PDB file of N, CA and C in Angstrom:
ATOM      1  N   MET A   1     -24.207 -10.480  25.163  1.00  0.00           N
ATOM      2  CA  MET A   1     -23.974  -9.789  23.901  1.00  0.00           C
ATOM      3  C   MET A   1     -24.030 -10.822  22.773  1.00  0.00           C
ATOM      4  N   ASN A   2     -24.890 -10.570  21.788  1.00  0.00           N
ATOM      5  CA  ASN A   2     -24.954 -11.520  20.680  1.00  0.00           C
ATOM      6  C   ASN A   2     -23.794 -11.278  19.717  1.00  0.00           C
ATOM      7  N   ILE A   3     -23.577 -12.227  18.813  1.00  0.00           N
ATOM      8  CA  ILE A   3     -22.419 -12.185  17.921  1.00  0.00           C
ATOM      9  C   ILE A   3     -22.470 -10.995  16.966  1.00  0.00           C
ATOM     10  N   ASP A   4     -23.665 -10.608  16.497  1.00  0.00           N
ATOM     11  CA  ASP A   4     -23.782  -9.473  15.577  1.00  0.00           C
ATOM     12  C   ASP A   4     -23.300  -8.174  16.226  1.00  0.00           C
ATOM     13  N   ARG A   5     -23.703  -7.948  17.441  1.00  0.00           N
ATOM     14  CA  ARG A   5     -23.272  -6.734  18.141  1.00  0.00           C
ATOM     15  C   ARG A   5     -21.779  -6.776  18.419  1.00  0.00           C
ATOM     16  N   PHE A   6     -21.273  -7.955  18.705  1.00  0.00           N
ATOM     17  CA  PHE A   6     -19.847  -8.113  18.959  1.00  0.00           C
ATOM     18  C   PHE A   6     -19.034  -7.808  17.692  1.00  0.00           C
ATOM     19  N   LEU A   7     -19.439  -8.369  16.555  1.00  0.00           N
ATOM     20  CA  LEU A   7     -18.715  -8.156  15.301  1.00  0.00           C
ATOM     21  C   LEU A   7     -18.844  -6.712  14.812  1.00  0.00           C
ATOM     22  N   LYS A   8     -19.962  -6.077  15.068  1.00  0.00           N
ATOM     23  CA  LYS A   8     -20.176  -4.693  14.668  1.00  0.00           C
ATOM     24  C   LYS A   8     -19.151  -3.768  15.341  1.00  0.00           C
ATOM     25  N   PHE A   9     -18.678  -4.171  16.489  1.00  0.00           N
ATOM     26  CA  PHE A   9     -17.673  -3.400  17.215  1.00  0.00           C
ATOM     27  C   PHE A   9     -16.395  -3.243  16.387  1.00  0.00           C
ATOM     28  N   PHE A  10     -16.061  -4.254  15.560  1.00  0.00           N
ATOM     29  CA  PHE A  10     -14.818  -4.248  14.786  1.00  0.00           C
ATOM     30  C   PHE A  10     -14.947  -3.604  13.411  1.00  0.00           C
ATOM     31  N   VAL A  11     -16.144  -3.307  12.971  1.00  0.00           N
ATOM     32  CA  VAL A  11     -16.352  -2.685  11.667  1.00  0.00           C
ATOM     33  C   VAL A  11     -16.073  -1.184  11.791  1.00  0.00           C
ATOM     34  N   PRO A  12     -15.216  -0.647  10.906  1.00  0.00           N
ATOM     35  CA  PRO A  12     -14.919   0.785  10.969  1.00  0.00           C
ATOM     36  C   PRO A  12     -16.180   1.623  10.786  1.00  0.00           C
ATOM     37  N   LYS A  13     -16.309   2.655  11.577  1.00  0.00           N
ATOM     38  CA  LYS A  13     -17.470   3.530  11.489  1.00  0.00           C
ATOM     39  C   LYS A  13     -17.266   4.659  10.492  1.00  0.00           C
ATOM     40  N   ASP A  14     -16.032   4.948  10.188  1.00  0.00           N
ATOM     41  CA  ASP A  14     -15.700   5.967   9.202  1.00  0.00           C
ATOM     42  C   ASP A  14     -15.703   5.309   7.818  1.00  0.00           C
ATOM     43  N   HIS A  15     -16.609   5.742   6.954  1.00  0.00           N
ATOM     44  CA  HIS A  15     -16.763   5.101   5.647  1.00  0.00           C
ATOM     45  C   HIS A  15     -15.610   5.385   4.686  1.00  0.00           C
ATOM     46  N   SER A  16     -14.721   6.280   5.041  1.00  0.00           N
ATOM     47  CA  SER A  16     -13.567   6.533   4.180  1.00  0.00           C
ATOM     48  C   SER A  16     -12.484   5.469   4.368  1.00  0.00           C
ATOM     49  N   PHE A  17     -12.647   4.599   5.344  1.00  0.00           N
ATOM     50  CA  PHE A  17     -11.648   3.572   5.626  1.00  0.00           C
ATOM     51  C   PHE A  17     -11.435   2.647   4.437  1.00  0.00           C
ATOM     52  N   PHE A  18     -12.500   2.131   3.860  1.00  0.00           N
ATOM     53  CA  PHE A  18     -12.366   1.113   2.821  1.00  0.00           C
ATOM     54  C   PHE A  18     -11.707   1.635   1.544  1.00  0.00           C
ATOM     55  N   PRO A  19     -12.068   2.814   1.041  1.00  0.00           N
ATOM     56  CA  PRO A  19     -11.340   3.329  -0.130  1.00  0.00           C
ATOM     57  C   PRO A  19      -9.855   3.567   0.155  1.00  0.00           C
ATOM     58  N   LEU A  20      -9.543   4.063   1.352  1.00  0.00           N
ATOM     59  CA  LEU A  20      -8.143   4.268   1.713  1.00  0.00           C
ATOM     60  C   LEU A  20      -7.401   2.942   1.815  1.00  0.00           C
ATOM     61  N   PHE A  21      -8.056   1.947   2.376  1.00  0.00           N
ATOM     62  CA  PHE A  21      -7.456   0.621   2.505  1.00  0.00           C
ATOM     63  C   PHE A  21      -7.193   0.029   1.123  1.00  0.00           C
ATOM     64  N   GLU A  22      -8.148   0.171   0.223  1.00  0.00           N
ATOM     65  CA  GLU A  22      -7.983  -0.348  -1.136  1.00  0.00           C
ATOM     66  C   GLU A  22      -6.853   0.368  -1.860  1.00  0.00           C
ATOM     67  N   SER A  23      -6.777   1.673  -1.704  1.00  0.00           N
ATOM     68  CA  SER A  23      -5.713   2.452  -2.320  1.00  0.00           C
ATOM     69  C   SER A  23      -4.340   2.029  -1.790  1.00  0.00           C
ATOM     70  N   ASP A  24      -4.243   1.844  -0.485  1.00  0.00           N
ATOM     71  CA  ASP A  24      -2.984   1.393   0.111  1.00  0.00           C
ATOM     72  C   ASP A  24      -2.600   0.010  -0.398  1.00  0.00           C
ATOM     73  N   ALA A  25      -3.581  -0.861  -0.561  1.00  0.00           N
ATOM     74  CA  ALA A  25      -3.310  -2.209  -1.069  1.00  0.00           C
ATOM     75  C   ALA A  25      -2.783  -2.140  -2.499  1.00  0.00           C
ATOM     76  N   GLN A  26      -3.360  -1.266  -3.321  1.00  0.00           N
ATOM     77  CA  GLN A  26      -2.882  -1.112  -4.695  1.00  0.00           C
ATOM     78  C   GLN A  26      -1.456  -0.570  -4.716  1.00  0.00           C
ATOM     79  N   ASN A  27      -1.165   0.372  -3.828  1.00  0.00           N
ATOM     80  CA  ASN A  27       0.202   0.898  -3.728  1.00  0.00           C
ATOM     81  C   ASN A  27       1.176  -0.190  -3.298  1.00  0.00           C
ATOM     82  N   LEU A  28       0.755  -1.042  -2.390  1.00  0.00           N
ATOM     83  CA  LEU A  28       1.605  -2.127  -1.925  1.00  0.00           C
ATOM     84  C   LEU A  28       1.911  -3.105  -3.055  1.00  0.00           C
ATOM     85  N   VAL A  29       0.911  -3.420  -3.856  1.00  0.00           N
ATOM     86  CA  VAL A  29       1.115  -4.321  -4.997  1.00  0.00           C
ATOM     87  C   VAL A  29       2.098  -3.696  -5.978  1.00  0.00           C
ATOM     88  N   LYS A  30       1.906  -2.412  -6.301  1.00  0.00           N
ATOM     89  CA  LYS A  30       2.807  -1.730  -7.236  1.00  0.00           C
ATOM     90  C   LYS A  30       4.237  -1.692  -6.703  1.00  0.00           C
ATOM     91  N   ALA A  31       4.397  -1.361  -5.415  1.00  0.00           N
ATOM     92  CA  ALA A  31       5.733  -1.324  -4.821  1.00  0.00           C
ATOM     93  C   ALA A  31       6.370  -2.719  -4.831  1.00  0.00           C
ATOM     94  N   SER A  32       5.579  -3.743  -4.617  1.00  0.00           N
ATOM     95  CA  SER A  32       6.100  -5.119  -4.646  1.00  0.00           C
ATOM     96  C   SER A  32       6.568  -5.505  -6.038  1.00  0.00           C
ATOM     97  N   GLU A  33       5.806  -5.096  -7.045  1.00  0.00           N
ATOM     98  CA  GLU A  33       6.203  -5.376  -8.427  1.00  0.00           C
ATOM     99  C   GLU A  33       7.517  -4.667  -8.765  1.00  0.00           C
ATOM    100  N   LEU A  34       7.639  -3.424  -8.324  1.00  0.00           N
ATOM    101  CA  LEU A  34       8.870  -2.669  -8.564  1.00  0.00           C
ATOM    102  C   LEU A  34      10.052  -3.293  -7.824  1.00  0.00           C
ATOM    103  N   LEU A  35       9.819  -3.755  -6.599  1.00  0.00           N
ATOM    104  CA  LEU A  35      10.883  -4.418  -5.841  1.00  0.00           C
ATOM    105  C   LEU A  35      11.341  -5.684  -6.550  1.00  0.00           C
ATOM    106  N   LYS A  36      10.411  -6.425  -7.093  1.00  0.00           N
ATOM    107  CA  LYS A  36      10.751  -7.636  -7.848  1.00  0.00           C
ATOM    108  C   LYS A  36      11.625  -7.279  -9.057  1.00  0.00           C
ATOM    109  N   GLU A  37      11.266  -6.201  -9.764  1.00  0.00           N
ATOM    110  CA  GLU A  37      12.079  -5.735 -10.888  1.00  0.00           C
ATOM    111  C   GLU A  37      13.468  -5.327 -10.420  1.00  0.00           C
ATOM    112  N   LEU A  38      13.520  -4.603  -9.305  1.00  0.00           N
ATOM    113  CA  LEU A  38      14.794  -4.127  -8.778  1.00  0.00           C
ATOM    114  C   LEU A  38      15.721  -5.299  -8.456  1.00  0.00           C
ATOM    115  N   LEU A  39      15.167  -6.331  -7.831  1.00  0.00           N
ATOM    116  CA  LEU A  39      15.991  -7.489  -7.460  1.00  0.00           C
ATOM    117  C   LEU A  39      16.433  -8.313  -8.664  1.00  0.00           C
ATOM    118  N   ALA A  40      15.681  -8.224  -9.758  1.00  0.00           N
ATOM    119  CA  ALA A  40      16.018  -8.988 -10.955  1.00  0.00           C
ATOM    120  C   ALA A  40      17.001  -8.250 -11.860  1.00  0.00           C
ATOM    121  N   SER A  41      17.200  -6.970 -11.616  1.00  0.00           N
ATOM    122  CA  SER A  41      18.039  -6.152 -12.483  1.00  0.00           C
ATOM    123  C   SER A  41      19.460  -6.070 -11.940  1.00  0.00           C
ATOM    124  N   ALA A  42      20.410  -6.010 -12.873  1.00  0.00           N
ATOM    125  CA  ALA A  42      21.813  -5.842 -12.500  1.00  0.00           C
ATOM    126  C   ALA A  42      22.310  -4.448 -12.855  1.00  0.00           C
ATOM    127  N   ASP A  43      21.469  -3.652 -13.479  1.00  0.00           N
ATOM    128  CA  ASP A  43      21.836  -2.312 -13.933  1.00  0.00           C
ATOM    129  C   ASP A  43      21.704  -1.301 -12.787  1.00  0.00           C
ATOM    130  N   VAL A  44      22.792  -0.617 -12.481  1.00  0.00           N
ATOM    131  CA  VAL A  44      22.815   0.333 -11.370  1.00  0.00           C
ATOM    132  C   VAL A  44      21.865   1.509 -11.626  1.00  0.00           C
ATOM    133  N   VAL A  45      21.832   1.998 -12.840  1.00  0.00           N
ATOM    134  CA  VAL A  45      20.943   3.110 -13.177  1.00  0.00           C
ATOM    135  C   VAL A  45      19.489   2.678 -12.997  1.00  0.00           C
ATOM    136  N   GLU A  46      19.170   1.472 -13.421  1.00  0.00           N
ATOM    137  CA  GLU A  46      17.819   0.933 -13.256  1.00  0.00           C
ATOM    138  C   GLU A  46      17.487   0.783 -11.770  1.00  0.00           C
ATOM    139  N   HIS A  47      18.456   0.359 -10.963  1.00  0.00           N
ATOM    140  CA  HIS A  47      18.254   0.243  -9.512  1.00  0.00           C
ATOM    141  C   HIS A  47      17.846   1.588  -8.921  1.00  0.00           C
ATOM    142  N   GLU A  48      18.547   2.633  -9.308  1.00  0.00           N
ATOM    143  CA  GLU A  48      18.239   3.962  -8.769  1.00  0.00           C
ATOM    144  C   GLU A  48      16.847   4.421  -9.178  1.00  0.00           C
ATOM    145  N   ARG A  49      16.468   4.184 -10.433  1.00  0.00           N
ATOM    146  CA  ARG A  49      15.143   4.579 -10.913  1.00  0.00           C
ATOM    147  C   ARG A  49      14.050   3.825 -10.153  1.00  0.00           C
ATOM    148  N   LEU A  50      14.230   2.507 -10.013  1.00  0.00           N
ATOM    149  CA  LEU A  50      13.236   1.696  -9.320  1.00  0.00           C
ATOM    150  C   LEU A  50      13.155   2.057  -7.840  1.00  0.00           C
ATOM    151  N   TYR A  51      14.304   2.301  -7.225  1.00  0.00           N
ATOM    152  CA  TYR A  51      14.326   2.703  -5.818  1.00  0.00           C
ATOM    153  C   TYR A  51      13.537   4.003  -5.630  1.00  0.00           C
ATOM    154  N   LYS A  52      13.749   4.969  -6.534  1.00  0.00           N
ATOM    155  CA  LYS A  52      13.037   6.242  -6.441  1.00  0.00           C
ATOM    156  C   LYS A  52      11.531   6.028  -6.617  1.00  0.00           C
ATOM    157  N   GLU A  53      11.136   5.183  -7.553  1.00  0.00           N
ATOM    158  CA  GLU A  53       9.709   4.909  -7.751  1.00  0.00           C
ATOM    159  C   GLU A  53       9.084   4.276  -6.510  1.00  0.00           C
ATOM    160  N   ILE A  54       9.791   3.324  -5.913  1.00  0.00           N
ATOM    161  CA  ILE A  54       9.289   2.674  -4.694  1.00  0.00           C
ATOM    162  C   ILE A  54       9.156   3.704  -3.579  1.00  0.00           C
ATOM    163  N   ARG A  55      10.157   4.528  -3.418  1.00  0.00           N
ATOM    164  CA  ARG A  55      10.121   5.568  -2.382  1.00  0.00           C
ATOM    165  C   ARG A  55       8.956   6.531  -2.612  1.00  0.00           C
ATOM    166  N   ASP A  56       8.724   6.894  -3.863  1.00  0.00           N
ATOM    167  CA  ASP A  56       7.602   7.786  -4.187  1.00  0.00           C
ATOM    168  C   ASP A  56       6.258   7.133  -3.835  1.00  0.00           C
ATOM    169  N   ILE A  57       6.130   5.855  -4.109  1.00  0.00           N
ATOM    170  CA  ILE A  57       4.895   5.140  -3.782  1.00  0.00           C
ATOM    171  C   ILE A  57       4.696   5.094  -2.266  1.00  0.00           C
ATOM    172  N   GLU A  58       5.760   4.892  -1.522  1.00  0.00           N
ATOM    173  CA  GLU A  58       5.649   4.895  -0.055  1.00  0.00           C
ATOM    174  C   GLU A  58       5.129   6.240   0.450  1.00  0.00           C
ATOM    175  N   HIS A  59       5.577   7.307  -0.171  1.00  0.00           N
ATOM    176  CA  HIS A  59       5.166   8.644   0.258  1.00  0.00           C
ATOM    177  C   HIS A  59       3.732   8.970  -0.138  1.00  0.00           C
ATOM    178  N   ILE A  60       3.213   8.328  -1.164  1.00  0.00           N
ATOM    179  CA  ILE A  60       1.821   8.525  -1.564  1.00  0.00           C
ATOM    180  C   ILE A  60       0.914   8.167  -0.390  1.00  0.00           C
ATOM    181  N   GLY A  61       1.166   7.058   0.240  1.00  0.00           N
ATOM    182  CA  GLY A  61       0.359   6.628   1.375  1.00  0.00           C
ATOM    183  C   GLY A  61       0.424   7.594   2.540  1.00  0.00           C
ATOM    184  N   ARG A  62       1.549   8.199   2.752  1.00  0.00           N
ATOM    185  CA  ARG A  62       1.696   9.148   3.862  1.00  0.00           C
ATOM    186  C   ARG A  62       0.958  10.453   3.575  1.00  0.00           C
ATOM    187  N   ARG A  63       0.948  10.877   2.313  1.00  0.00           N
ATOM    188  CA  ARG A  63       0.263  12.129   1.958  1.00  0.00           C
ATOM    189  C   ARG A  63      -1.248  11.977   2.023  1.00  0.00           C
ATOM    190  N   ASP A  64      -1.749  10.788   1.662  1.00  0.00           N
ATOM    191  CA  ASP A  64      -3.192  10.569   1.561  1.00  0.00           C
ATOM    192  C   ASP A  64      -3.880  10.501   2.924  1.00  0.00           C
ATOM    193  N   HIS A  65      -3.133  10.289   3.988  1.00  0.00           N
ATOM    194  CA  HIS A  65      -3.802  10.053   5.284  1.00  0.00           C
ATOM    195  C   HIS A  65      -3.625  11.211   6.194  1.00  0.00           C
TER     196      HIS A  65
END
């Protein structure tokens, strides 16, 4: 088996994979930014708002798949 055929085995055959992967990566970045804000804040009300936003972003990924 040559290397090209071997590597082709690992490439997703469903072309919807890459847009979904990119979308999930963007959600992960956004959730990470919100987590950073949450850890930097001392305001309890702000903690609750940020926690809810992070939770909502987590659920976006579950709905999309």
